[in-house]
Amino acid sequence: MTVAKPGFSTDCRRCSRLARHLTQVRAEFPEYHAKPVAPFGAERPRLLIVGLAPGMHGANRTGRPFTGDYAGILLYETLHRFGLASRPDAVSCDDGLKLIDCRITNAVKCLPPENKPKPDEVRCCNAYLRDEIEALPPGATILALGGIAHQAVLMAFDLRLSAYRFGHGARHALPQGYTLYDSYHCSRYNTQTRRLTPEMFREVFTAISSNLKTGKDA
């Protein structure tokens, strides 16, 4: 189930560059969602996964995070393996997939040109991420997929980046009892170059799973 937090709207056009880009995409691909993409999953999950931004032929096409493109293959297979998703793949918004105690969002809700949001666009969209984090239950876990997602999470907490350095498999204790885990993004580039392997990704989820069950790191 896709749940938009108060204040979020798929009609948002606060970032003029992104709004212009989506207008161009809709003209070229009129059947695409081509609007801001709402988060997907449980409303008050113990695990929030934060990606970078919608992919051109994935979430930007289907309207659901990590759905319909290569980046979602490893993510949803892993979520299913760890009991966090009802099926191991994500094809479309009507495929029946449900997330279990888990929610997926992005640091930037709109497709950016060349998949590269500008810093001011990350800051502008951060209010939505802050709302999502504030809605989490006490002691929830956050997984950042990539450096920009990591920075966006810290921004939402008003924390200094230098005090929480990104690193694959890193674990950070955040205020209010939250825990942040880092992973390389499960993009086609990272998986095909073996920068991120399925084994590496599963190791991060093994630690997260242990933390969810016991409140302690694996």
N, C-alpha and C. Protein backbone atom coordinates (compact mmCIF):
# COMPACT_ATOMS: atom_id res chain seq x y z
N MET A 1 0.85 -1.19 0.00
CA MET A 1 0.00 0.00 0.00
C MET A 1 0.88 1.24 0.00
N THR A 2 0.61 2.22 -0.85
CA THR A 2 1.34 3.46 -0.90
C THR A 2 0.66 4.47 0.01
N VAL A 3 1.44 5.07 0.90
CA VAL A 3 0.87 6.02 1.84
C VAL A 3 1.64 7.33 1.73
N ALA A 4 0.99 8.41 1.40
CA ALA A 4 1.63 9.72 1.34
C ALA A 4 1.45 10.42 2.68
N LYS A 5 2.53 10.90 3.26
CA LYS A 5 2.47 11.57 4.54
C LYS A 5 1.83 12.96 4.37
N PRO A 6 1.29 13.52 5.45
CA PRO A 6 0.70 14.85 5.37
C PRO A 6 1.70 15.85 4.79
N GLY A 7 1.23 16.67 3.89
CA GLY A 7 2.10 17.66 3.27
C GLY A 7 2.68 17.21 1.95
N PHE A 8 2.84 15.90 1.76
CA PHE A 8 3.37 15.40 0.50
C PHE A 8 2.27 15.34 -0.54
N SER A 9 2.60 15.69 -1.76
CA SER A 9 1.63 15.62 -2.85
C SER A 9 2.35 15.22 -4.13
N THR A 10 1.73 14.37 -4.91
CA THR A 10 2.31 14.01 -6.20
C THR A 10 2.20 15.16 -7.20
N ASP A 11 1.56 16.25 -6.78
CA ASP A 11 1.50 17.46 -7.61
C ASP A 11 2.57 18.47 -7.23
N CYS A 12 3.46 18.11 -6.31
CA CYS A 12 4.51 19.03 -5.86
C CYS A 12 5.37 19.49 -7.05
N ARG A 13 5.63 20.81 -7.10
CA ARG A 13 6.49 21.39 -8.13
C ARG A 13 7.44 22.41 -7.50
N ARG A 14 7.86 22.13 -6.29
CA ARG A 14 8.69 23.09 -5.56
C ARG A 14 10.07 23.25 -6.17
N CYS A 15 10.57 22.23 -6.84
CA CYS A 15 11.89 22.32 -7.48
C CYS A 15 11.68 22.55 -8.97
N SER A 16 11.95 23.76 -9.44
CA SER A 16 11.59 24.13 -10.81
C SER A 16 12.32 23.29 -11.85
N ARG A 17 13.58 22.96 -11.61
CA ARG A 17 14.32 22.16 -12.58
C ARG A 17 13.70 20.77 -12.71
N LEU A 18 13.36 20.16 -11.59
CA LEU A 18 12.76 18.83 -11.61
C LEU A 18 11.36 18.88 -12.23
N ALA A 19 10.61 19.92 -11.93
CA ALA A 19 9.27 20.04 -12.50
C ALA A 19 9.34 20.16 -14.02
N ARG A 20 10.29 20.96 -14.52
CA ARG A 20 10.45 21.10 -15.97
C ARG A 20 10.86 19.78 -16.60
N HIS A 21 11.74 19.07 -15.92
CA HIS A 21 12.20 17.78 -16.44
C HIS A 21 11.05 16.78 -16.54
N LEU A 22 10.21 16.73 -15.51
CA LEU A 22 9.08 15.81 -15.54
C LEU A 22 8.07 16.18 -16.62
N THR A 23 7.90 17.45 -16.87
CA THR A 23 7.03 17.88 -17.97
C THR A 23 7.54 17.35 -19.30
N GLN A 24 8.85 17.41 -19.49
CA GLN A 24 9.45 16.89 -20.72
C GLN A 24 9.30 15.38 -20.82
N VAL A 25 9.48 14.69 -19.68
CA VAL A 25 9.35 13.24 -19.67
C VAL A 25 7.92 12.82 -20.00
N ARG A 26 6.93 13.53 -19.42
CA ARG A 26 5.53 13.20 -19.70
C ARG A 26 5.20 13.39 -21.17
N ALA A 27 5.81 14.39 -21.79
CA ALA A 27 5.56 14.62 -23.21
C ALA A 27 6.13 13.48 -24.06
N GLU A 28 7.29 12.95 -23.64
CA GLU A 28 7.92 11.86 -24.38
C GLU A 28 7.31 10.51 -24.06
N PHE A 29 6.90 10.33 -22.79
CA PHE A 29 6.33 9.06 -22.34
C PHE A 29 4.99 9.34 -21.64
N PRO A 30 3.94 9.62 -22.37
CA PRO A 30 2.67 10.02 -21.75
C PRO A 30 2.05 8.94 -20.86
N GLU A 31 2.48 7.69 -21.04
CA GLU A 31 1.92 6.61 -20.22
C GLU A 31 2.65 6.46 -18.88
N TYR A 32 3.74 7.20 -18.68
CA TYR A 32 4.51 7.09 -17.45
C TYR A 32 3.84 7.87 -16.31
N HIS A 33 4.13 7.47 -15.07
CA HIS A 33 3.69 8.21 -13.88
C HIS A 33 4.24 9.64 -13.95
N ALA A 34 5.54 9.79 -14.09
CA ALA A 34 6.22 11.08 -14.33
C ALA A 34 5.75 12.19 -13.40
N LYS A 35 5.65 11.87 -12.12
CA LYS A 35 5.31 12.83 -11.07
C LYS A 35 6.11 12.45 -9.83
N PRO A 36 6.07 13.26 -8.79
CA PRO A 36 6.71 12.83 -7.54
C PRO A 36 6.19 11.46 -7.12
N VAL A 37 7.08 10.64 -6.59
CA VAL A 37 6.72 9.26 -6.22
C VAL A 37 6.57 9.16 -4.71
N ALA A 38 5.40 8.74 -4.28
CA ALA A 38 5.11 8.59 -2.85
C ALA A 38 5.85 7.39 -2.28
N PRO A 39 6.14 7.40 -0.98
CA PRO A 39 6.73 6.22 -0.33
C PRO A 39 5.77 5.05 -0.38
N PHE A 40 6.33 3.86 -0.15
CA PHE A 40 5.56 2.63 -0.28
C PHE A 40 5.84 1.73 0.91
N GLY A 41 4.77 1.16 1.50
CA GLY A 41 4.95 0.19 2.55
C GLY A 41 4.12 0.47 3.79
N ALA A 42 4.54 -0.13 4.89
CA ALA A 42 3.82 0.00 6.15
C ALA A 42 3.83 1.45 6.61
N GLU A 43 2.74 1.85 7.29
CA GLU A 43 2.60 3.25 7.70
C GLU A 43 3.51 3.60 8.88
N ARG A 44 3.69 2.68 9.82
CA ARG A 44 4.60 2.91 10.96
C ARG A 44 5.56 1.72 11.06
N PRO A 45 6.50 1.64 10.14
CA PRO A 45 7.40 0.49 10.09
C PRO A 45 8.55 0.63 11.07
N ARG A 46 9.14 -0.50 11.40
CA ARG A 46 10.37 -0.46 12.20
C ARG A 46 11.60 -0.34 11.31
N LEU A 47 11.42 -0.49 9.99
CA LEU A 47 12.53 -0.32 9.05
C LEU A 47 12.10 0.63 7.94
N LEU A 48 12.83 1.74 7.80
CA LEU A 48 12.63 2.68 6.71
C LEU A 48 13.85 2.62 5.80
N ILE A 49 13.63 2.34 4.52
CA ILE A 49 14.70 2.28 3.54
C ILE A 49 14.66 3.54 2.70
N VAL A 50 15.79 4.23 2.60
CA VAL A 50 15.87 5.49 1.87
C VAL A 50 16.78 5.33 0.67
N GLY A 51 16.22 5.49 -0.53
CA GLY A 51 17.01 5.46 -1.75
C GLY A 51 17.38 6.86 -2.20
N LEU A 52 17.86 6.97 -3.43
CA LEU A 52 18.28 8.26 -3.97
C LEU A 52 17.10 9.02 -4.56
N ALA A 53 16.55 8.52 -5.67
CA ALA A 53 15.48 9.19 -6.39
C ALA A 53 14.83 8.17 -7.32
N PRO A 54 13.63 8.45 -7.82
CA PRO A 54 13.01 7.52 -8.76
C PRO A 54 13.86 7.31 -10.01
N GLY A 55 13.89 6.07 -10.50
CA GLY A 55 14.59 5.76 -11.74
C GLY A 55 13.70 6.07 -12.93
N MET A 56 14.32 6.45 -14.03
CA MET A 56 13.58 6.87 -15.22
C MET A 56 12.55 5.84 -15.66
N HIS A 57 12.95 4.59 -15.81
CA HIS A 57 12.04 3.56 -16.31
C HIS A 57 11.57 2.62 -15.20
N GLY A 58 11.83 3.02 -13.95
CA GLY A 58 11.38 2.25 -12.79
C GLY A 58 10.26 3.00 -12.09
N ALA A 59 10.59 3.60 -10.93
CA ALA A 59 9.56 4.30 -10.15
C ALA A 59 8.93 5.45 -10.92
N ASN A 60 9.71 6.15 -11.74
CA ASN A 60 9.15 7.24 -12.53
C ASN A 60 8.11 6.73 -13.53
N ARG A 61 8.26 5.48 -13.95
CA ARG A 61 7.30 4.88 -14.88
C ARG A 61 6.09 4.30 -14.14
N THR A 62 6.37 3.56 -13.07
CA THR A 62 5.31 2.80 -12.39
C THR A 62 4.64 3.56 -11.26
N GLY A 63 5.34 4.55 -10.68
CA GLY A 63 4.77 5.30 -9.56
C GLY A 63 5.01 4.67 -8.21
N ARG A 64 5.90 3.65 -8.13
CA ARG A 64 6.21 3.01 -6.85
C ARG A 64 7.72 2.84 -6.73
N PRO A 65 8.31 3.14 -5.58
CA PRO A 65 9.77 3.08 -5.43
C PRO A 65 10.35 1.72 -5.81
N PHE A 66 11.43 1.77 -6.59
CA PHE A 66 12.21 0.58 -6.96
C PHE A 66 11.37 -0.48 -7.68
N THR A 67 10.36 -0.06 -8.39
CA THR A 67 9.46 -1.01 -9.06
C THR A 67 9.58 -0.89 -10.57
N GLY A 68 9.90 -2.02 -11.21
CA GLY A 68 9.92 -2.06 -12.66
C GLY A 68 11.25 -1.81 -13.32
N ASP A 69 12.33 -1.70 -12.53
CA ASP A 69 13.65 -1.53 -13.14
C ASP A 69 14.68 -2.39 -12.42
N TYR A 70 15.89 -2.34 -12.91
CA TYR A 70 16.95 -3.23 -12.42
C TYR A 70 17.27 -3.00 -10.94
N ALA A 71 17.21 -1.75 -10.49
CA ALA A 71 17.60 -1.45 -9.10
C ALA A 71 16.75 -2.18 -8.08
N GLY A 72 15.50 -2.51 -8.45
CA GLY A 72 14.63 -3.18 -7.49
C GLY A 72 14.84 -4.68 -7.40
N ILE A 73 15.56 -5.26 -8.34
CA ILE A 73 15.69 -6.72 -8.36
C ILE A 73 16.33 -7.24 -7.09
N LEU A 74 17.52 -6.74 -6.76
CA LEU A 74 18.22 -7.20 -5.56
C LEU A 74 17.49 -6.76 -4.30
N LEU A 75 16.94 -5.55 -4.30
CA LEU A 75 16.27 -5.04 -3.10
C LEU A 75 15.08 -5.91 -2.71
N TYR A 76 14.17 -6.15 -3.64
CA TYR A 76 12.95 -6.88 -3.28
C TYR A 76 13.23 -8.37 -3.04
N GLU A 77 14.19 -8.93 -3.76
CA GLU A 77 14.57 -10.33 -3.50
C GLU A 77 15.10 -10.46 -2.08
N THR A 78 15.90 -9.48 -1.65
CA THR A 78 16.46 -9.52 -0.30
C THR A 78 15.39 -9.28 0.75
N LEU A 79 14.51 -8.32 0.50
CA LEU A 79 13.42 -8.08 1.45
C LEU A 79 12.57 -9.33 1.63
N HIS A 80 12.28 -10.02 0.54
CA HIS A 80 11.49 -11.25 0.63
C HIS A 80 12.24 -12.33 1.40
N ARG A 81 13.52 -12.44 1.17
CA ARG A 81 14.35 -13.44 1.86
C ARG A 81 14.31 -13.23 3.37
N PHE A 82 14.24 -11.96 3.80
CA PHE A 82 14.26 -11.65 5.22
C PHE A 82 12.86 -11.43 5.80
N GLY A 83 11.83 -11.82 5.07
CA GLY A 83 10.47 -11.75 5.58
C GLY A 83 9.88 -10.36 5.63
N LEU A 84 10.41 -9.45 4.82
CA LEU A 84 9.96 -8.07 4.82
C LEU A 84 9.10 -7.72 3.61
N ALA A 85 8.94 -8.66 2.69
CA ALA A 85 8.12 -8.45 1.50
C ALA A 85 7.37 -9.74 1.18
N SER A 86 6.16 -9.61 0.63
CA SER A 86 5.32 -10.77 0.38
C SER A 86 5.72 -11.54 -0.88
N ARG A 87 6.53 -10.92 -1.73
CA ARG A 87 7.00 -11.60 -2.93
C ARG A 87 8.39 -11.06 -3.29
N PRO A 88 9.17 -11.79 -4.08
CA PRO A 88 10.57 -11.42 -4.31
C PRO A 88 10.80 -10.47 -5.47
N ASP A 89 9.73 -10.01 -6.13
CA ASP A 89 9.93 -9.09 -7.24
C ASP A 89 8.84 -8.03 -7.24
N ALA A 90 9.13 -6.91 -7.91
CA ALA A 90 8.21 -5.79 -8.00
C ALA A 90 8.08 -5.40 -9.46
N VAL A 91 6.88 -5.59 -10.00
CA VAL A 91 6.67 -5.38 -11.43
C VAL A 91 5.84 -4.13 -11.70
N SER A 92 4.76 -3.98 -10.94
CA SER A 92 3.86 -2.85 -11.13
C SER A 92 3.10 -2.59 -9.84
N CYS A 93 2.39 -1.48 -9.78
CA CYS A 93 1.67 -1.13 -8.57
C CYS A 93 0.51 -2.08 -8.27
N ASP A 94 0.07 -2.84 -9.25
CA ASP A 94 -1.04 -3.77 -9.03
C ASP A 94 -0.59 -5.23 -9.00
N ASP A 95 0.69 -5.46 -8.64
CA ASP A 95 1.21 -6.84 -8.62
C ASP A 95 0.93 -7.57 -7.30
N GLY A 96 0.28 -6.90 -6.36
CA GLY A 96 -0.07 -7.54 -5.09
C GLY A 96 1.03 -7.53 -4.04
N LEU A 97 2.17 -6.93 -4.36
CA LEU A 97 3.29 -6.89 -3.40
C LEU A 97 2.92 -6.08 -2.17
N LYS A 98 3.26 -6.63 -1.00
CA LYS A 98 3.08 -5.92 0.26
C LYS A 98 4.39 -5.97 1.05
N LEU A 99 4.71 -4.89 1.71
CA LEU A 99 5.86 -4.85 2.59
C LEU A 99 5.41 -5.09 4.02
N ILE A 100 6.28 -5.75 4.79
CA ILE A 100 5.95 -6.17 6.14
C ILE A 100 6.87 -5.46 7.12
N ASP A 101 6.30 -4.54 7.92
CA ASP A 101 7.06 -3.77 8.90
C ASP A 101 8.20 -3.00 8.24
N CYS A 102 8.00 -2.60 7.00
CA CYS A 102 9.05 -1.97 6.20
C CYS A 102 8.41 -0.92 5.29
N ARG A 103 9.16 0.10 4.97
CA ARG A 103 8.68 1.18 4.12
C ARG A 103 9.87 1.65 3.26
N ILE A 104 9.59 2.00 2.01
CA ILE A 104 10.64 2.45 1.10
C ILE A 104 10.31 3.84 0.61
N THR A 105 11.30 4.72 0.63
CA THR A 105 11.14 6.09 0.16
C THR A 105 12.41 6.52 -0.55
N ASN A 106 12.47 7.77 -0.96
CA ASN A 106 13.66 8.31 -1.61
C ASN A 106 14.02 9.66 -1.02
N ALA A 107 15.30 9.98 -1.07
CA ALA A 107 15.75 11.28 -0.60
C ALA A 107 15.14 12.40 -1.43
N VAL A 108 14.99 12.15 -2.73
CA VAL A 108 14.34 13.09 -3.65
C VAL A 108 13.20 12.35 -4.32
N LYS A 109 12.01 12.91 -4.27
CA LYS A 109 10.82 12.19 -4.73
C LYS A 109 10.58 12.29 -6.24
N CYS A 110 11.33 13.15 -6.94
CA CYS A 110 11.15 13.32 -8.38
C CYS A 110 12.37 12.81 -9.14
N LEU A 111 12.13 12.34 -10.35
CA LEU A 111 13.21 11.93 -11.24
C LEU A 111 14.10 13.12 -11.58
N PRO A 112 15.40 13.07 -11.26
CA PRO A 112 16.30 14.17 -11.63
C PRO A 112 16.98 13.88 -12.96
N PRO A 113 17.32 14.90 -13.72
CA PRO A 113 18.09 14.67 -14.95
C PRO A 113 19.37 13.91 -14.67
N GLU A 114 19.64 12.89 -15.48
CA GLU A 114 20.84 12.06 -15.35
C GLU A 114 20.94 11.40 -13.98
N ASN A 115 19.81 11.28 -13.29
CA ASN A 115 19.75 10.66 -11.97
C ASN A 115 20.64 11.36 -10.95
N LYS A 116 20.82 12.68 -11.12
CA LYS A 116 21.71 13.44 -10.24
C LYS A 116 20.98 14.66 -9.69
N PRO A 117 20.36 14.54 -8.52
CA PRO A 117 19.73 15.71 -7.91
C PRO A 117 20.77 16.71 -7.44
N LYS A 118 20.41 17.97 -7.46
CA LYS A 118 21.29 19.01 -6.95
C LYS A 118 21.11 19.13 -5.44
N PRO A 119 22.14 19.64 -4.74
CA PRO A 119 22.05 19.75 -3.27
C PRO A 119 20.82 20.53 -2.80
N ASP A 120 20.45 21.61 -3.52
CA ASP A 120 19.29 22.37 -3.08
C ASP A 120 17.99 21.59 -3.26
N GLU A 121 17.97 20.65 -4.22
CA GLU A 121 16.79 19.81 -4.41
C GLU A 121 16.68 18.78 -3.31
N VAL A 122 17.81 18.26 -2.86
CA VAL A 122 17.81 17.34 -1.72
C VAL A 122 17.30 18.07 -0.48
N ARG A 123 17.77 19.30 -0.28
CA ARG A 123 17.33 20.08 0.88
C ARG A 123 15.85 20.40 0.81
N CYS A 124 15.37 20.76 -0.38
CA CYS A 124 13.96 21.11 -0.53
C CYS A 124 13.06 19.93 -0.22
N CYS A 125 13.46 18.74 -0.66
CA CYS A 125 12.65 17.54 -0.46
C CYS A 125 12.82 16.96 0.93
N ASN A 126 13.77 17.46 1.69
CA ASN A 126 14.08 16.86 2.98
C ASN A 126 12.96 16.99 4.00
N ALA A 127 12.11 18.00 3.82
CA ALA A 127 10.99 18.15 4.76
C ALA A 127 10.08 16.94 4.72
N TYR A 128 9.91 16.34 3.54
CA TYR A 128 9.09 15.14 3.42
C TYR A 128 9.74 13.96 4.14
N LEU A 129 11.05 13.82 3.97
CA LEU A 129 11.76 12.73 4.65
C LEU A 129 11.72 12.93 6.16
N ARG A 130 11.84 14.17 6.59
CA ARG A 130 11.76 14.44 8.03
C ARG A 130 10.40 14.01 8.59
N ASP A 131 9.33 14.31 7.85
CA ASP A 131 8.00 13.88 8.28
C ASP A 131 7.91 12.37 8.40
N GLU A 132 8.50 11.66 7.43
CA GLU A 132 8.46 10.19 7.43
C GLU A 132 9.21 9.64 8.64
N ILE A 133 10.35 10.22 8.94
CA ILE A 133 11.15 9.75 10.08
C ILE A 133 10.42 10.04 11.39
N GLU A 134 9.81 11.21 11.49
CA GLU A 134 9.09 11.56 12.73
C GLU A 134 7.90 10.64 12.97
N ALA A 135 7.40 10.02 11.90
CA ALA A 135 6.25 9.12 12.05
C ALA A 135 6.67 7.70 12.43
N LEU A 136 7.97 7.42 12.45
CA LEU A 136 8.45 6.08 12.79
C LEU A 136 8.24 5.79 14.27
N PRO A 137 8.09 4.53 14.64
CA PRO A 137 7.97 4.19 16.05
C PRO A 137 9.31 4.35 16.76
N PRO A 138 9.31 4.46 18.07
CA PRO A 138 10.56 4.60 18.81
C PRO A 138 11.52 3.45 18.52
N GLY A 139 12.80 3.78 18.37
CA GLY A 139 13.82 2.76 18.16
C GLY A 139 13.86 2.16 16.78
N ALA A 140 13.23 2.81 15.81
CA ALA A 140 13.19 2.27 14.45
C ALA A 140 14.57 2.29 13.81
N THR A 141 14.71 1.49 12.76
CA THR A 141 15.95 1.38 12.00
C THR A 141 15.78 2.02 10.63
N ILE A 142 16.81 2.71 10.17
CA ILE A 142 16.81 3.35 8.86
C ILE A 142 17.97 2.79 8.05
N LEU A 143 17.72 2.44 6.81
CA LEU A 143 18.77 1.97 5.91
C LEU A 143 18.92 2.98 4.79
N ALA A 144 20.12 3.54 4.64
CA ALA A 144 20.42 4.48 3.57
C ALA A 144 21.12 3.75 2.44
N LEU A 145 20.55 3.83 1.25
CA LEU A 145 21.15 3.21 0.07
C LEU A 145 21.96 4.27 -0.68
N GLY A 146 23.23 4.35 -0.38
CA GLY A 146 24.10 5.30 -1.04
C GLY A 146 24.36 6.55 -0.22
N GLY A 147 25.39 7.30 -0.65
CA GLY A 147 25.85 8.45 0.11
C GLY A 147 24.85 9.59 0.19
N ILE A 148 24.12 9.86 -0.90
CA ILE A 148 23.17 10.97 -0.86
C ILE A 148 22.02 10.66 0.08
N ALA A 149 21.54 9.42 0.07
CA ALA A 149 20.49 9.03 1.01
C ALA A 149 20.99 9.15 2.45
N HIS A 150 22.22 8.72 2.69
CA HIS A 150 22.84 8.84 4.01
C HIS A 150 22.85 10.30 4.46
N GLN A 151 23.27 11.20 3.58
CA GLN A 151 23.33 12.62 3.91
C GLN A 151 21.94 13.19 4.16
N ALA A 152 20.96 12.73 3.37
CA ALA A 152 19.59 13.22 3.55
C ALA A 152 19.03 12.82 4.91
N VAL A 153 19.33 11.61 5.36
CA VAL A 153 18.87 11.18 6.68
C VAL A 153 19.48 12.04 7.77
N LEU A 154 20.77 12.29 7.68
CA LEU A 154 21.44 13.14 8.68
C LEU A 154 20.88 14.56 8.65
N MET A 155 20.59 15.06 7.46
CA MET A 155 19.99 16.39 7.32
C MET A 155 18.66 16.45 8.03
N ALA A 156 17.87 15.38 7.93
CA ALA A 156 16.56 15.35 8.58
C ALA A 156 16.68 15.40 10.10
N PHE A 157 17.82 14.94 10.61
CA PHE A 157 18.07 14.98 12.06
C PHE A 157 18.87 16.22 12.47
N ASP A 158 19.23 17.08 11.50
CA ASP A 158 20.08 18.25 11.77
C ASP A 158 21.42 17.84 12.37
N LEU A 159 22.00 16.77 11.81
CA LEU A 159 23.29 16.27 12.29
C LEU A 159 24.41 16.63 11.32
N ARG A 160 25.63 16.78 11.85
CA ARG A 160 26.80 17.09 11.03
C ARG A 160 27.24 15.85 10.25
N LEU A 161 27.47 16.01 8.95
CA LEU A 161 27.88 14.88 8.12
C LEU A 161 29.21 14.31 8.58
N SER A 162 30.10 15.16 9.03
CA SER A 162 31.45 14.71 9.38
C SER A 162 31.45 13.77 10.58
N ALA A 163 30.41 13.81 11.37
CA ALA A 163 30.35 12.96 12.57
C ALA A 163 29.78 11.57 12.27
N TYR A 164 29.23 11.39 11.06
CA TYR A 164 28.60 10.12 10.70
C TYR A 164 29.00 9.79 9.25
N ARG A 165 30.17 9.25 9.07
CA ARG A 165 30.68 9.02 7.73
C ARG A 165 30.04 7.80 7.08
N PHE A 166 29.70 7.96 5.81
CA PHE A 166 29.10 6.86 5.06
C PHE A 166 30.12 5.76 4.79
N GLY A 167 29.68 4.52 4.92
CA GLY A 167 30.50 3.37 4.57
C GLY A 167 29.63 2.14 4.46
N HIS A 168 29.85 1.33 3.45
CA HIS A 168 29.00 0.15 3.31
C HIS A 168 29.10 -0.73 4.55
N GLY A 169 27.94 -1.06 5.10
CA GLY A 169 27.89 -1.89 6.31
C GLY A 169 28.04 -1.12 7.60
N ALA A 170 28.23 0.21 7.50
CA ALA A 170 28.39 1.01 8.72
C ALA A 170 27.08 1.11 9.48
N ARG A 171 27.21 1.23 10.78
CA ARG A 171 26.06 1.38 11.67
C ARG A 171 26.27 2.62 12.52
N HIS A 172 25.23 3.46 12.61
CA HIS A 172 25.33 4.72 13.35
C HIS A 172 24.17 4.83 14.33
N ALA A 173 24.49 5.18 15.56
CA ALA A 173 23.45 5.45 16.56
C ALA A 173 23.00 6.90 16.39
N LEU A 174 21.71 7.09 16.16
CA LEU A 174 21.14 8.41 15.97
C LEU A 174 20.36 8.84 17.20
N PRO A 175 20.02 10.13 17.28
CA PRO A 175 19.20 10.58 18.42
C PRO A 175 17.86 9.85 18.50
N GLN A 176 17.28 9.90 19.68
CA GLN A 176 15.95 9.34 19.95
C GLN A 176 15.91 7.82 19.76
N GLY A 177 17.06 7.17 19.85
CA GLY A 177 17.10 5.72 19.80
C GLY A 177 17.05 5.11 18.42
N TYR A 178 17.09 5.93 17.36
CA TYR A 178 17.09 5.39 16.00
C TYR A 178 18.47 4.87 15.63
N THR A 179 18.51 3.92 14.70
CA THR A 179 19.77 3.36 14.21
C THR A 179 19.80 3.50 12.69
N LEU A 180 20.93 3.98 12.17
CA LEU A 180 21.12 4.13 10.73
C LEU A 180 22.16 3.13 10.24
N TYR A 181 21.78 2.36 9.23
CA TYR A 181 22.72 1.47 8.54
C TYR A 181 22.97 2.03 7.14
N ASP A 182 24.18 1.80 6.64
CA ASP A 182 24.55 2.23 5.30
C ASP A 182 24.77 1.03 4.39
N SER A 183 24.41 1.20 3.12
CA SER A 183 24.75 0.21 2.10
C SER A 183 25.00 0.94 0.79
N TYR A 184 25.88 0.38 -0.03
CA TYR A 184 25.96 0.88 -1.39
C TYR A 184 24.59 0.72 -2.03
N HIS A 185 24.27 1.61 -2.94
CA HIS A 185 22.98 1.55 -3.64
C HIS A 185 22.94 0.31 -4.52
N CYS A 186 21.76 -0.31 -4.60
CA CYS A 186 21.60 -1.54 -5.38
C CYS A 186 21.30 -1.22 -6.86
N SER A 187 22.04 -0.31 -7.42
CA SER A 187 21.88 0.10 -8.81
C SER A 187 22.47 -0.94 -9.76
N ARG A 188 22.09 -0.85 -11.02
CA ARG A 188 22.66 -1.75 -12.03
C ARG A 188 24.18 -1.62 -12.07
N TYR A 189 24.66 -0.38 -12.03
CA TYR A 189 26.11 -0.16 -12.11
C TYR A 189 26.83 -0.84 -10.94
N ASN A 190 26.33 -0.63 -9.72
CA ASN A 190 27.02 -1.19 -8.55
C ASN A 190 26.98 -2.71 -8.53
N THR A 191 25.85 -3.30 -8.94
CA THR A 191 25.76 -4.76 -8.90
C THR A 191 26.53 -5.41 -10.05
N GLN A 192 26.50 -4.79 -11.22
CA GLN A 192 27.21 -5.39 -12.36
C GLN A 192 28.72 -5.24 -12.24
N THR A 193 29.19 -4.18 -11.58
CA THR A 193 30.63 -4.02 -11.37
C THR A 193 31.11 -4.75 -10.12
N ARG A 194 30.17 -5.36 -9.41
CA ARG A 194 30.46 -6.13 -8.18
C ARG A 194 30.91 -5.23 -7.03
N ARG A 195 30.67 -3.93 -7.16
CA ARG A 195 30.90 -3.08 -6.00
C ARG A 195 29.97 -3.50 -4.86
N LEU A 196 28.76 -3.91 -5.26
CA LEU A 196 27.80 -4.47 -4.31
C LEU A 196 27.38 -5.84 -4.81
N THR A 197 27.65 -6.85 -4.03
CA THR A 197 27.24 -8.22 -4.37
C THR A 197 26.02 -8.60 -3.54
N PRO A 198 25.26 -9.61 -3.97
CA PRO A 198 24.13 -10.07 -3.16
C PRO A 198 24.57 -10.47 -1.75
N GLU A 199 25.75 -11.06 -1.64
CA GLU A 199 26.26 -11.46 -0.32
C GLU A 199 26.50 -10.24 0.57
N MET A 200 27.08 -9.20 -0.01
CA MET A 200 27.32 -7.96 0.76
C MET A 200 26.01 -7.34 1.23
N PHE A 201 25.02 -7.35 0.34
CA PHE A 201 23.73 -6.75 0.67
C PHE A 201 23.04 -7.56 1.76
N ARG A 202 23.11 -8.89 1.65
CA ARG A 202 22.49 -9.74 2.66
C ARG A 202 23.16 -9.59 4.01
N GLU A 203 24.45 -9.33 4.03
CA GLU A 203 25.14 -9.12 5.31
C GLU A 203 24.58 -7.90 6.04
N VAL A 204 24.29 -6.84 5.28
CA VAL A 204 23.69 -5.65 5.90
C VAL A 204 22.32 -6.00 6.47
N PHE A 205 21.53 -6.75 5.71
CA PHE A 205 20.18 -7.09 6.18
C PHE A 205 20.23 -8.10 7.33
N THR A 206 21.26 -8.91 7.39
CA THR A 206 21.41 -9.81 8.53
C THR A 206 21.60 -8.98 9.80
N ALA A 207 22.44 -7.95 9.72
CA ALA A 207 22.65 -7.07 10.87
C ALA A 207 21.37 -6.32 11.23
N ILE A 208 20.67 -5.82 10.22
CA ILE A 208 19.42 -5.12 10.47
C ILE A 208 18.39 -6.05 11.10
N SER A 209 18.27 -7.26 10.57
CA SER A 209 17.31 -8.22 11.11
C SER A 209 17.59 -8.52 12.57
N SER A 210 18.85 -8.68 12.90
CA SER A 210 19.22 -8.93 14.30
C SER A 210 18.87 -7.74 15.17
N ASN A 211 19.11 -6.54 14.63
CA ASN A 211 18.80 -5.33 15.39
C ASN A 211 17.30 -5.19 15.61
N LEU A 212 16.52 -5.54 14.62
CA LEU A 212 15.06 -5.47 14.74
C LEU A 212 14.53 -6.46 15.77
N LYS A 213 15.17 -7.62 15.85
CA LYS A 213 14.71 -8.66 16.75
C LYS A 213 15.15 -8.44 18.19
N THR A 214 16.38 -7.92 18.36
CA THR A 214 16.94 -7.83 19.71
C THR A 214 17.21 -6.42 20.17
N GLY A 215 17.19 -5.45 19.24
CA GLY A 215 17.56 -4.09 19.61
C GLY A 215 19.04 -3.90 19.69
N LYS A 216 19.81 -4.91 19.24
CA LYS A 216 21.26 -4.85 19.29
C LYS A 216 21.81 -5.19 17.91
N ASP A 217 23.04 -4.75 17.67
CA ASP A 217 23.69 -5.05 16.41
C ASP A 217 24.05 -6.53 16.33
N ALA A 218 24.14 -7.04 15.09
CA ALA A 218 24.49 -8.46 14.91
C ALA A 218 25.93 -8.70 15.32
